[in-house]
């Protein structure tokens, strides 16, 4: 039996974008019709590269600034969870460009809680490995505030558990608007000691 199981679930790509180094401070992604994914992620992306410098998310494992494998090449969000975030913020919609999204998909419920190491595979064969849930940060809040003054502060609490996932490229290829990404999940049970680990 394969270690990764096709699930029958898929998500349709509704938006694609890239944040360039010039855009990072304002966190505004540039919308694209298609993306060519390489082992370094997306060409020109501030999050591209085979490696990255460790950040505050992994200080329990590495001193800040340590070169590590880049498992955060892409940010994947869902239409459904973006709608929930917007509603909790008191907005009608959220622009994925203001969230620094690489890919927005529709059709996979509870996207932010996909099992780590799940795969999302495009018709071209391009395959993304889900690293883990993406935690909300202050950068989207500042970007949202530029178009919805006063609403940015509501982003972090509204996006908790709904911010999507980060991913890296396992197999190169092209993805485009309208493509369906098929979901494959690891064939294993949840680690029995997870609750104990969280209490420590």
N, C-alpha and C. Protein backbone atom coordinates (compact mmCIF):
# COMPACT_ATOMS: atom_id res chain seq x y z
N UNK A 1 0.84 -1.19 0.00
CA UNK A 1 0.00 0.00 0.00
C UNK A 1 0.88 1.25 0.00
N UNK A 2 0.53 2.27 -0.79
CA UNK A 2 1.36 3.48 -0.83
C UNK A 2 1.32 4.23 0.50
N UNK A 3 2.42 4.93 0.81
CA UNK A 3 2.49 5.71 2.04
C UNK A 3 1.68 6.98 1.96
N UNK A 4 1.36 7.41 0.73
CA UNK A 4 0.53 8.60 0.53
C UNK A 4 -0.73 8.18 -0.21
N UNK A 5 -1.88 8.48 0.36
CA UNK A 5 -3.13 8.01 -0.19
C UNK A 5 -3.88 9.10 -0.95
N UNK A 6 -4.25 8.85 -2.23
CA UNK A 6 -5.15 9.78 -2.91
C UNK A 6 -6.47 9.83 -2.16
N UNK A 7 -7.02 11.01 -1.96
CA UNK A 7 -8.21 11.14 -1.12
C UNK A 7 -9.51 11.28 -1.90
N UNK A 8 -9.44 11.65 -3.18
CA UNK A 8 -10.66 11.96 -3.90
C UNK A 8 -11.06 13.42 -3.74
N UNK A 9 -10.38 14.16 -2.85
CA UNK A 9 -10.64 15.58 -2.67
C UNK A 9 -9.70 16.39 -3.58
N UNK A 10 -10.21 17.51 -4.06
CA UNK A 10 -9.36 18.40 -4.85
C UNK A 10 -9.85 19.83 -4.67
N UNK A 11 -8.96 20.77 -4.95
CA UNK A 11 -9.29 22.17 -4.86
C UNK A 11 -8.98 22.87 -6.17
N UNK A 12 -9.87 23.73 -6.61
CA UNK A 12 -9.67 24.47 -7.86
C UNK A 12 -8.94 25.78 -7.59
N UNK A 13 -7.88 26.05 -8.35
CA UNK A 13 -7.12 27.28 -8.17
C UNK A 13 -7.94 28.47 -8.66
N UNK A 14 -8.19 29.42 -7.75
CA UNK A 14 -8.97 30.61 -8.11
C UNK A 14 -8.11 31.87 -8.17
N UNK A 15 -6.89 31.81 -7.63
CA UNK A 15 -6.02 32.99 -7.61
C UNK A 15 -4.58 32.53 -7.45
N UNK A 16 -3.68 33.21 -8.15
CA UNK A 16 -2.24 32.96 -8.04
C UNK A 16 -1.53 34.29 -7.89
N UNK A 17 -0.44 34.30 -7.14
CA UNK A 17 0.30 35.54 -6.98
C UNK A 17 1.70 35.33 -6.48
N UNK A 18 2.49 36.40 -6.52
CA UNK A 18 3.86 36.35 -6.04
C UNK A 18 4.19 37.66 -5.36
N UNK A 19 4.83 37.57 -4.20
CA UNK A 19 5.32 38.75 -3.49
C UNK A 19 6.79 38.91 -3.85
N UNK A 20 7.13 40.03 -4.47
CA UNK A 20 8.53 40.28 -4.81
C UNK A 20 9.21 40.98 -3.65
N UNK A 21 10.52 41.04 -3.69
CA UNK A 21 11.27 41.67 -2.59
C UNK A 21 10.87 43.13 -2.43
N UNK A 22 10.54 43.80 -3.54
CA UNK A 22 10.14 45.20 -3.46
C UNK A 22 8.80 45.37 -2.76
N UNK A 23 7.96 44.32 -2.83
CA UNK A 23 6.61 44.41 -2.26
C UNK A 23 6.55 43.95 -0.81
N UNK A 24 7.60 43.33 -0.29
CA UNK A 24 7.49 42.61 0.97
C UNK A 24 7.03 43.49 2.13
N UNK A 25 7.56 44.71 2.22
CA UNK A 25 7.21 45.55 3.35
C UNK A 25 5.72 45.87 3.36
N UNK A 26 5.17 46.14 2.19
CA UNK A 26 3.74 46.43 2.09
C UNK A 26 2.91 45.15 1.98
N UNK A 27 3.56 44.04 1.71
CA UNK A 27 2.93 42.73 1.51
C UNK A 27 1.76 42.82 0.53
N UNK A 28 2.09 43.10 -0.70
CA UNK A 28 1.09 43.08 -1.76
C UNK A 28 1.60 42.13 -2.84
N UNK A 29 0.89 41.02 -3.03
CA UNK A 29 1.27 40.06 -4.05
C UNK A 29 0.77 40.52 -5.41
N UNK A 30 1.54 40.20 -6.43
CA UNK A 30 1.17 40.52 -7.81
C UNK A 30 0.43 39.33 -8.40
N UNK A 31 -0.80 39.55 -8.85
CA UNK A 31 -1.62 38.46 -9.39
C UNK A 31 -1.03 37.92 -10.69
N UNK A 32 -1.13 36.61 -10.87
CA UNK A 32 -0.64 35.94 -12.08
C UNK A 32 -1.69 34.97 -12.60
N UNK A 33 -1.61 34.69 -13.89
CA UNK A 33 -2.50 33.69 -14.49
C UNK A 33 -1.93 32.28 -14.34
N UNK A 34 -0.60 32.19 -14.23
CA UNK A 34 0.07 30.90 -14.11
C UNK A 34 1.40 31.11 -13.39
N UNK A 35 1.92 30.03 -12.82
CA UNK A 35 3.21 30.07 -12.15
C UNK A 35 4.02 28.85 -12.57
N UNK A 36 5.29 29.06 -12.85
CA UNK A 36 6.21 27.95 -13.11
C UNK A 36 6.96 27.67 -11.82
N UNK A 37 6.67 26.51 -11.22
CA UNK A 37 7.26 26.14 -9.95
C UNK A 37 8.54 25.35 -10.16
N UNK A 38 9.60 25.74 -9.44
CA UNK A 38 10.87 25.03 -9.49
C UNK A 38 11.21 24.57 -8.07
N UNK A 39 12.31 23.84 -7.95
CA UNK A 39 12.71 23.38 -6.61
C UNK A 39 13.01 24.55 -5.68
N UNK A 40 13.23 25.73 -6.23
CA UNK A 40 13.45 26.93 -5.43
C UNK A 40 12.16 27.70 -5.20
N UNK A 41 11.02 27.17 -5.63
CA UNK A 41 9.75 27.84 -5.43
C UNK A 41 9.34 28.64 -6.65
N UNK A 42 9.00 29.92 -6.43
CA UNK A 42 8.56 30.80 -7.51
C UNK A 42 9.66 31.80 -7.80
N UNK A 43 10.07 31.90 -9.06
CA UNK A 43 11.12 32.85 -9.44
C UNK A 43 10.68 34.27 -9.08
N UNK A 44 11.58 35.02 -8.44
CA UNK A 44 11.30 36.40 -8.08
C UNK A 44 10.56 36.59 -6.78
N UNK A 45 10.14 35.49 -6.16
CA UNK A 45 9.41 35.60 -4.90
C UNK A 45 10.35 35.85 -3.73
N UNK A 46 9.90 36.70 -2.80
CA UNK A 46 10.69 36.95 -1.60
C UNK A 46 10.82 35.68 -0.76
N UNK A 47 9.91 34.74 -0.96
CA UNK A 47 9.95 33.48 -0.21
C UNK A 47 10.63 32.36 -0.99
N UNK A 48 11.22 32.68 -2.16
CA UNK A 48 11.86 31.66 -2.97
C UNK A 48 13.20 31.23 -2.40
N UNK A 49 13.73 30.17 -2.97
CA UNK A 49 15.03 29.65 -2.56
C UNK A 49 14.93 28.25 -2.01
N UNK A 50 15.97 27.46 -2.22
CA UNK A 50 16.01 26.11 -1.68
C UNK A 50 16.24 26.16 -0.18
N UNK A 51 16.95 27.17 0.28
CA UNK A 51 17.16 27.36 1.72
C UNK A 51 16.64 28.75 2.11
N UNK A 52 16.52 28.96 3.41
CA UNK A 52 16.14 30.26 3.96
C UNK A 52 16.85 30.44 5.29
N UNK A 53 16.79 31.64 5.82
CA UNK A 53 17.32 31.89 7.15
C UNK A 53 16.22 31.63 8.17
N UNK A 54 16.54 30.90 9.23
CA UNK A 54 15.54 30.58 10.23
C UNK A 54 14.99 31.85 10.87
N UNK A 55 13.71 31.78 11.25
CA UNK A 55 13.02 32.94 11.81
C UNK A 55 12.50 32.62 13.20
N UNK A 56 11.66 33.51 13.71
CA UNK A 56 11.15 33.35 15.08
C UNK A 56 10.28 32.11 15.24
N UNK A 57 9.77 31.55 14.14
CA UNK A 57 8.90 30.37 14.23
C UNK A 57 9.65 29.12 14.67
N UNK A 58 10.97 29.10 14.46
CA UNK A 58 11.73 27.87 14.74
C UNK A 58 12.89 28.11 15.72
N UNK A 59 12.75 29.11 16.61
CA UNK A 59 13.84 29.39 17.55
C UNK A 59 14.03 28.26 18.57
N UNK A 60 13.04 27.40 18.75
CA UNK A 60 13.21 26.25 19.64
C UNK A 60 14.15 25.21 19.04
N UNK A 61 14.37 25.32 17.71
CA UNK A 61 15.24 24.36 17.03
C UNK A 61 16.56 24.98 16.56
N UNK A 62 16.53 26.24 16.14
CA UNK A 62 17.72 26.85 15.53
C UNK A 62 17.88 28.30 15.99
N UNK A 63 19.11 28.76 16.20
CA UNK A 63 19.31 30.20 16.43
C UNK A 63 18.79 31.00 15.25
N UNK A 64 18.17 32.14 15.52
CA UNK A 64 17.61 32.97 14.45
C UNK A 64 18.70 33.33 13.46
N UNK A 65 18.38 33.20 12.15
CA UNK A 65 19.34 33.52 11.10
C UNK A 65 20.15 32.34 10.61
N UNK A 66 19.87 31.13 11.14
CA UNK A 66 20.59 29.93 10.70
C UNK A 66 20.06 29.47 9.33
N UNK A 67 20.94 29.16 8.37
CA UNK A 67 20.45 28.63 7.09
C UNK A 67 19.79 27.27 7.30
N UNK A 68 18.55 27.12 6.82
CA UNK A 68 17.81 25.86 6.92
C UNK A 68 17.08 25.61 5.60
N UNK A 69 16.55 24.41 5.42
CA UNK A 69 15.75 24.07 4.23
C UNK A 69 14.52 24.97 4.19
N UNK A 70 14.19 25.48 3.02
CA UNK A 70 13.06 26.37 2.88
C UNK A 70 11.77 25.58 2.67
N UNK A 71 11.03 25.42 3.74
CA UNK A 71 9.75 24.71 3.68
C UNK A 71 8.59 25.71 3.58
N UNK A 72 8.91 27.00 3.42
CA UNK A 72 7.90 28.06 3.35
C UNK A 72 7.96 28.78 2.00
N UNK A 73 8.13 28.03 0.93
CA UNK A 73 8.23 28.64 -0.40
C UNK A 73 6.91 29.23 -0.87
N UNK A 74 5.80 28.62 -0.48
CA UNK A 74 4.48 29.06 -0.94
C UNK A 74 3.52 29.17 0.23
N UNK A 75 2.58 30.10 0.09
CA UNK A 75 1.49 30.26 1.05
C UNK A 75 0.19 29.92 0.33
N UNK A 76 -0.51 28.89 0.83
CA UNK A 76 -1.73 28.41 0.20
C UNK A 76 -2.92 28.71 1.11
N UNK A 77 -3.91 29.40 0.58
CA UNK A 77 -5.11 29.75 1.33
C UNK A 77 -6.33 29.18 0.63
N UNK A 78 -7.47 29.16 1.36
CA UNK A 78 -8.70 28.67 0.74
C UNK A 78 -9.73 29.78 0.67
N UNK A 79 -10.55 29.71 -0.37
CA UNK A 79 -11.65 30.65 -0.54
C UNK A 79 -12.56 30.61 0.68
N UNK A 80 -12.84 29.40 1.16
CA UNK A 80 -13.78 29.23 2.27
C UNK A 80 -13.25 29.88 3.55
N UNK A 81 -11.98 29.63 3.88
CA UNK A 81 -11.43 30.19 5.12
C UNK A 81 -11.21 31.70 5.01
N UNK A 82 -10.88 32.19 3.81
CA UNK A 82 -10.77 33.64 3.64
C UNK A 82 -12.12 34.32 3.87
N UNK A 83 -13.20 33.66 3.45
CA UNK A 83 -14.53 34.19 3.70
C UNK A 83 -14.84 34.25 5.18
N UNK A 84 -14.42 33.22 5.92
CA UNK A 84 -14.64 33.20 7.37
C UNK A 84 -13.84 34.30 8.06
N UNK A 85 -12.59 34.51 7.61
CA UNK A 85 -11.76 35.57 8.20
C UNK A 85 -12.40 36.93 7.95
N UNK A 86 -12.81 37.17 6.70
CA UNK A 86 -13.43 38.45 6.36
C UNK A 86 -14.66 38.70 7.21
N UNK A 87 -15.51 37.69 7.35
CA UNK A 87 -16.73 37.85 8.14
C UNK A 87 -16.41 38.19 9.59
N UNK A 88 -15.42 37.54 10.15
CA UNK A 88 -15.04 37.82 11.54
C UNK A 88 -14.45 39.21 11.71
N UNK A 89 -13.88 39.74 10.63
CA UNK A 89 -13.32 41.09 10.67
C UNK A 89 -14.37 42.17 10.39
N UNK A 90 -15.55 41.75 9.94
CA UNK A 90 -16.57 42.71 9.60
C UNK A 90 -16.43 43.24 8.19
N UNK A 91 -15.75 42.49 7.32
CA UNK A 91 -15.56 42.89 5.93
C UNK A 91 -16.33 41.93 5.01
N UNK A 92 -16.67 42.41 3.82
CA UNK A 92 -17.35 41.55 2.86
C UNK A 92 -16.39 40.53 2.24
N UNK A 93 -15.20 40.99 1.88
CA UNK A 93 -14.21 40.13 1.25
C UNK A 93 -12.80 40.56 1.67
N UNK A 94 -11.84 39.69 1.41
CA UNK A 94 -10.43 40.00 1.59
C UNK A 94 -9.71 39.78 0.28
N UNK A 95 -8.83 40.68 -0.07
CA UNK A 95 -8.01 40.55 -1.27
C UNK A 95 -6.84 39.63 -0.96
N UNK A 96 -6.71 38.49 -1.66
CA UNK A 96 -5.59 37.58 -1.38
C UNK A 96 -4.24 38.22 -1.55
N UNK A 97 -4.14 39.25 -2.40
CA UNK A 97 -2.88 39.95 -2.58
C UNK A 97 -2.42 40.57 -1.27
N UNK A 98 -3.36 41.03 -0.45
CA UNK A 98 -3.04 41.66 0.84
C UNK A 98 -2.64 40.65 1.90
N UNK A 99 -2.86 39.37 1.61
CA UNK A 99 -2.48 38.31 2.55
C UNK A 99 -1.18 37.63 2.14
N UNK A 100 -0.58 38.12 1.05
CA UNK A 100 0.68 37.53 0.59
C UNK A 100 0.51 36.12 0.04
N UNK A 101 -0.68 35.83 -0.49
CA UNK A 101 -0.96 34.47 -0.96
C UNK A 101 -0.17 34.13 -2.22
N UNK A 102 0.24 32.87 -2.32
CA UNK A 102 0.79 32.33 -3.56
C UNK A 102 -0.29 31.64 -4.37
N UNK A 103 -1.13 30.87 -3.65
CA UNK A 103 -2.19 30.09 -4.28
C UNK A 103 -3.44 30.18 -3.41
N UNK A 104 -4.59 30.41 -4.04
CA UNK A 104 -5.88 30.31 -3.36
C UNK A 104 -6.67 29.23 -4.06
N UNK A 105 -7.20 28.28 -3.27
CA UNK A 105 -7.98 27.19 -3.85
C UNK A 105 -9.36 27.13 -3.21
N UNK A 106 -10.28 26.54 -3.95
CA UNK A 106 -11.66 26.39 -3.49
C UNK A 106 -12.04 24.92 -3.55
N UNK A 107 -12.63 24.41 -2.46
CA UNK A 107 -13.15 23.05 -2.51
C UNK A 107 -12.58 22.07 -1.51
N UNK A 108 -11.56 22.46 -0.74
CA UNK A 108 -11.02 21.57 0.30
C UNK A 108 -11.33 22.18 1.66
N UNK A 109 -12.26 21.57 2.37
CA UNK A 109 -12.66 22.07 3.68
C UNK A 109 -11.52 21.97 4.68
N UNK A 110 -11.48 22.94 5.61
CA UNK A 110 -10.52 22.91 6.71
C UNK A 110 -9.08 22.81 6.21
N UNK A 111 -8.79 23.55 5.15
CA UNK A 111 -7.46 23.50 4.52
C UNK A 111 -6.33 23.75 5.51
N UNK A 112 -6.53 24.66 6.44
CA UNK A 112 -5.46 25.04 7.37
C UNK A 112 -5.02 23.88 8.27
N UNK A 113 -5.84 22.84 8.34
CA UNK A 113 -5.50 21.72 9.21
C UNK A 113 -5.19 20.43 8.45
N UNK A 114 -4.78 20.58 7.19
CA UNK A 114 -4.32 19.39 6.46
C UNK A 114 -3.14 18.76 7.21
N UNK A 115 -3.03 17.45 7.19
CA UNK A 115 -1.88 16.82 7.86
C UNK A 115 -0.57 17.26 7.23
N UNK A 116 0.42 17.62 8.05
CA UNK A 116 1.74 17.92 7.49
C UNK A 116 2.22 16.77 6.62
N UNK A 117 2.88 17.10 5.53
CA UNK A 117 3.40 16.16 4.53
C UNK A 117 2.33 15.70 3.54
N UNK A 118 1.12 16.27 3.62
CA UNK A 118 0.14 16.03 2.56
C UNK A 118 0.70 16.58 1.24
N UNK A 119 0.21 16.06 0.13
CA UNK A 119 0.61 16.55 -1.19
C UNK A 119 -0.58 17.15 -1.92
N UNK A 120 -0.32 18.22 -2.65
CA UNK A 120 -1.29 18.81 -3.57
C UNK A 120 -0.67 18.73 -4.96
N UNK A 121 -1.32 18.00 -5.87
CA UNK A 121 -0.72 17.71 -7.18
C UNK A 121 -1.55 18.29 -8.31
N UNK A 122 -0.88 19.02 -9.22
CA UNK A 122 -1.52 19.67 -10.35
C UNK A 122 -1.57 18.74 -11.56
N UNK A 123 -2.39 19.05 -12.56
CA UNK A 123 -2.44 18.23 -13.77
C UNK A 123 -1.08 18.11 -14.47
N UNK A 124 -0.23 19.13 -14.34
CA UNK A 124 1.10 19.09 -14.96
C UNK A 124 2.04 18.12 -14.27
N UNK A 125 1.64 17.65 -13.10
CA UNK A 125 2.53 16.82 -12.28
C UNK A 125 3.21 17.61 -11.18
N UNK A 126 3.18 18.94 -11.28
CA UNK A 126 3.76 19.77 -10.22
C UNK A 126 3.15 19.37 -8.88
N UNK A 127 4.01 19.17 -7.90
CA UNK A 127 3.54 18.65 -6.61
C UNK A 127 4.08 19.50 -5.48
N UNK A 128 3.18 19.88 -4.57
CA UNK A 128 3.52 20.68 -3.41
C UNK A 128 3.40 19.83 -2.15
N UNK A 129 4.36 19.96 -1.26
CA UNK A 129 4.32 19.28 0.03
C UNK A 129 3.89 20.28 1.09
N UNK A 130 2.82 19.98 1.78
CA UNK A 130 2.35 20.83 2.87
C UNK A 130 3.30 20.71 4.05
N UNK A 131 3.82 21.85 4.50
CA UNK A 131 4.66 21.83 5.69
C UNK A 131 3.79 21.81 6.94
N UNK A 132 3.08 22.91 7.18
CA UNK A 132 2.19 22.97 8.34
C UNK A 132 1.29 24.19 8.24
N UNK A 133 0.42 24.33 9.21
CA UNK A 133 -0.47 25.48 9.29
C UNK A 133 0.35 26.77 9.35
N UNK A 134 -0.11 27.78 8.62
CA UNK A 134 0.55 29.08 8.62
C UNK A 134 -0.08 29.94 9.71
N UNK A 135 0.72 30.43 10.64
CA UNK A 135 0.19 31.25 11.73
C UNK A 135 0.02 32.69 11.27
N UNK A 136 -1.04 33.37 11.73
CA UNK A 136 -1.24 34.78 11.35
C UNK A 136 -0.10 35.65 11.85
N UNK A 137 0.27 36.67 11.07
CA UNK A 137 1.31 37.61 11.48
C UNK A 137 0.85 39.03 11.22
N UNK A 138 1.67 40.00 11.61
CA UNK A 138 1.29 41.40 11.56
C UNK A 138 1.35 41.99 10.15
N UNK A 139 2.13 41.41 9.25
CA UNK A 139 2.30 42.00 7.91
C UNK A 139 0.99 42.11 7.13
N UNK A 140 0.16 41.06 7.07
CA UNK A 140 -1.13 41.23 6.38
C UNK A 140 -2.00 42.29 7.05
N UNK A 141 -1.94 42.36 8.37
CA UNK A 141 -2.75 43.35 9.09
C UNK A 141 -2.41 44.76 8.63
N UNK A 142 -1.11 45.05 8.49
CA UNK A 142 -0.69 46.38 8.03
C UNK A 142 -1.14 46.63 6.59
N UNK A 143 -1.04 45.61 5.75
CA UNK A 143 -1.44 45.75 4.36
C UNK A 143 -2.95 45.98 4.24
N UNK A 144 -3.73 45.24 5.01
CA UNK A 144 -5.19 45.39 5.01
C UNK A 144 -5.57 46.80 5.44
N UNK A 145 -4.85 47.32 6.41
CA UNK A 145 -5.15 48.66 6.94
C UNK A 145 -5.02 49.75 5.87
N UNK A 146 -4.19 49.52 4.86
CA UNK A 146 -4.00 50.55 3.84
C UNK A 146 -5.24 50.71 2.95
N UNK A 147 -6.07 49.65 2.87
CA UNK A 147 -7.29 49.72 2.06
C UNK A 147 -8.55 49.71 2.91
N UNK A 148 -8.44 49.21 4.15
CA UNK A 148 -9.57 49.20 5.09
C UNK A 148 -9.08 49.76 6.42
N UNK A 149 -8.89 51.08 6.49
CA UNK A 149 -8.32 51.68 7.71
C UNK A 149 -9.07 51.26 8.97
N UNK A 150 -8.27 50.83 9.98
CA UNK A 150 -8.84 50.44 11.26
C UNK A 150 -9.22 48.98 11.36
N UNK A 151 -9.23 48.26 10.24
CA UNK A 151 -9.64 46.85 10.27
C UNK A 151 -8.47 45.89 10.44
N UNK A 152 -7.26 46.35 10.16
CA UNK A 152 -6.10 45.46 10.19
C UNK A 152 -5.90 44.78 11.53
N UNK A 153 -6.18 45.49 12.62
CA UNK A 153 -5.95 44.93 13.96
C UNK A 153 -6.81 43.70 14.23
N UNK A 154 -7.88 43.55 13.47
CA UNK A 154 -8.76 42.39 13.66
C UNK A 154 -8.27 41.15 12.94
N UNK A 155 -7.23 41.30 12.09
CA UNK A 155 -6.82 40.18 11.25
C UNK A 155 -6.30 38.99 12.06
N UNK A 156 -5.33 39.21 12.94
CA UNK A 156 -4.70 38.08 13.63
C UNK A 156 -5.71 37.22 14.40
N UNK A 157 -6.57 37.80 15.25
CA UNK A 157 -7.53 36.92 15.93
C UNK A 157 -8.53 36.27 14.98
N UNK A 158 -8.93 36.99 13.92
CA UNK A 158 -9.90 36.43 12.97
C UNK A 158 -9.29 35.29 12.16
N UNK A 159 -7.98 35.36 11.91
CA UNK A 159 -7.31 34.38 11.04
C UNK A 159 -6.75 33.19 11.81
N UNK A 160 -6.82 33.20 13.13
CA UNK A 160 -6.27 32.09 13.91
C UNK A 160 -6.94 30.78 13.48
N UNK A 161 -6.11 29.83 13.04
CA UNK A 161 -6.62 28.53 12.59
C UNK A 161 -7.23 28.54 11.21
N UNK A 162 -7.11 29.68 10.49
CA UNK A 162 -7.72 29.80 9.17
C UNK A 162 -6.77 30.41 8.14
N UNK A 163 -5.49 30.51 8.47
CA UNK A 163 -4.51 31.26 7.65
C UNK A 163 -3.96 30.43 6.50
N UNK A 164 -4.41 29.19 6.36
CA UNK A 164 -3.90 28.34 5.31
C UNK A 164 -2.64 27.59 5.73
N UNK A 165 -1.89 27.12 4.75
CA UNK A 165 -0.69 26.33 5.01
C UNK A 165 0.48 26.85 4.19
N UNK A 166 1.68 26.53 4.65
CA UNK A 166 2.87 26.78 3.85
C UNK A 166 3.26 25.48 3.17
N UNK A 167 3.99 25.60 2.07
CA UNK A 167 4.34 24.41 1.30
C UNK A 167 5.63 24.64 0.52
N UNK A 168 6.23 23.54 0.07
CA UNK A 168 7.43 23.60 -0.76
C UNK A 168 7.26 22.67 -1.96
N UNK A 169 8.06 22.92 -2.98
CA UNK A 169 7.91 22.21 -4.26
C UNK A 169 8.68 20.88 -4.21
N UNK A 170 7.94 19.79 -4.38
CA UNK A 170 8.56 18.47 -4.45
C UNK A 170 8.86 18.08 -5.90
N UNK A 171 7.97 18.49 -6.81
CA UNK A 171 8.14 18.20 -8.24
C UNK A 171 7.82 19.46 -9.03
N UNK A 172 8.72 19.81 -9.92
CA UNK A 172 8.57 21.04 -10.70
C UNK A 172 7.44 20.92 -11.72
N UNK A 173 6.91 22.07 -12.11
CA UNK A 173 5.86 22.08 -13.12
C UNK A 173 5.09 23.38 -13.10
N UNK A 174 4.16 23.50 -14.02
CA UNK A 174 3.37 24.72 -14.17
C UNK A 174 1.99 24.54 -13.55
N UNK A 175 1.52 25.58 -12.86
CA UNK A 175 0.14 25.60 -12.37
C UNK A 175 -0.53 26.84 -12.94
N UNK A 176 -1.84 26.77 -13.12
CA UNK A 176 -2.56 27.88 -13.75
C UNK A 176 -3.94 28.02 -13.13
N UNK A 177 -4.52 29.20 -13.29
CA UNK A 177 -5.88 29.43 -12.82
C UNK A 177 -6.82 28.38 -13.40
N UNK A 178 -7.69 27.84 -12.56
CA UNK A 178 -8.63 26.82 -13.01
C UNK A 178 -8.14 25.40 -12.83
N UNK A 179 -6.83 25.21 -12.66
CA UNK A 179 -6.31 23.87 -12.41
C UNK A 179 -6.90 23.30 -11.12
N UNK A 180 -7.04 21.98 -11.09
CA UNK A 180 -7.45 21.33 -9.85
C UNK A 180 -6.24 20.67 -9.21
N UNK A 181 -6.03 20.94 -7.92
CA UNK A 181 -4.96 20.32 -7.16
C UNK A 181 -5.56 19.16 -6.37
N UNK A 182 -5.08 17.95 -6.65
CA UNK A 182 -5.62 16.78 -5.97
C UNK A 182 -4.85 16.54 -4.67
N UNK A 183 -5.60 16.16 -3.64
CA UNK A 183 -5.04 16.00 -2.30
C UNK A 183 -4.67 14.55 -2.02
N UNK A 184 -3.45 14.35 -1.53
CA UNK A 184 -2.96 13.04 -1.08
C UNK A 184 -2.48 13.22 0.36
N UNK A 185 -2.84 12.28 1.23
CA UNK A 185 -2.49 12.43 2.65
C UNK A 185 -1.67 11.24 3.12
N UNK A 186 -0.83 11.44 4.15
CA UNK A 186 -0.04 10.34 4.69
C UNK A 186 -0.93 9.25 5.27
N UNK A 187 -0.56 8.00 5.05
CA UNK A 187 -1.31 6.87 5.57
C UNK A 187 -0.78 6.52 6.97
N UNK A 188 -1.15 7.33 7.95
CA UNK A 188 -0.73 7.06 9.32
C UNK A 188 -1.73 7.68 10.29
N UNK A 189 -1.81 7.12 11.47
CA UNK A 189 -2.71 7.67 12.49
C UNK A 189 -2.07 8.89 13.14
N UNK A 190 -2.87 9.66 13.86
CA UNK A 190 -2.36 10.80 14.61
C UNK A 190 -1.48 10.29 15.73
N UNK A 191 -0.34 10.96 15.98
CA UNK A 191 0.59 10.54 17.02
C UNK A 191 -0.13 10.55 18.38
N UNK A 192 -0.09 9.43 19.08
CA UNK A 192 -0.88 9.24 20.29
C UNK A 192 -0.48 10.18 21.42
N UNK A 193 0.75 10.69 21.39
CA UNK A 193 1.24 11.49 22.52
C UNK A 193 1.17 13.00 22.23
N UNK A 194 0.44 13.39 21.18
CA UNK A 194 0.39 14.80 20.80
C UNK A 194 -0.12 15.69 21.93
N UNK A 195 -1.19 15.26 22.60
CA UNK A 195 -1.74 16.07 23.69
C UNK A 195 -0.73 16.25 24.81
N UNK A 196 0.03 15.18 25.13
CA UNK A 196 1.06 15.29 26.17
C UNK A 196 2.15 16.25 25.78
N UNK A 197 2.55 16.21 24.49
CA UNK A 197 3.62 17.09 24.01
C UNK A 197 3.19 18.54 24.10
N UNK A 198 1.93 18.83 23.83
CA UNK A 198 1.43 20.21 23.89
C UNK A 198 1.42 20.74 25.32
N UNK A 199 1.24 19.86 26.31
CA UNK A 199 1.19 20.31 27.71
C UNK A 199 2.57 20.60 28.28
N UNK A 200 3.63 20.09 27.63
CA UNK A 200 4.98 20.25 28.18
C UNK A 200 5.58 21.58 27.85
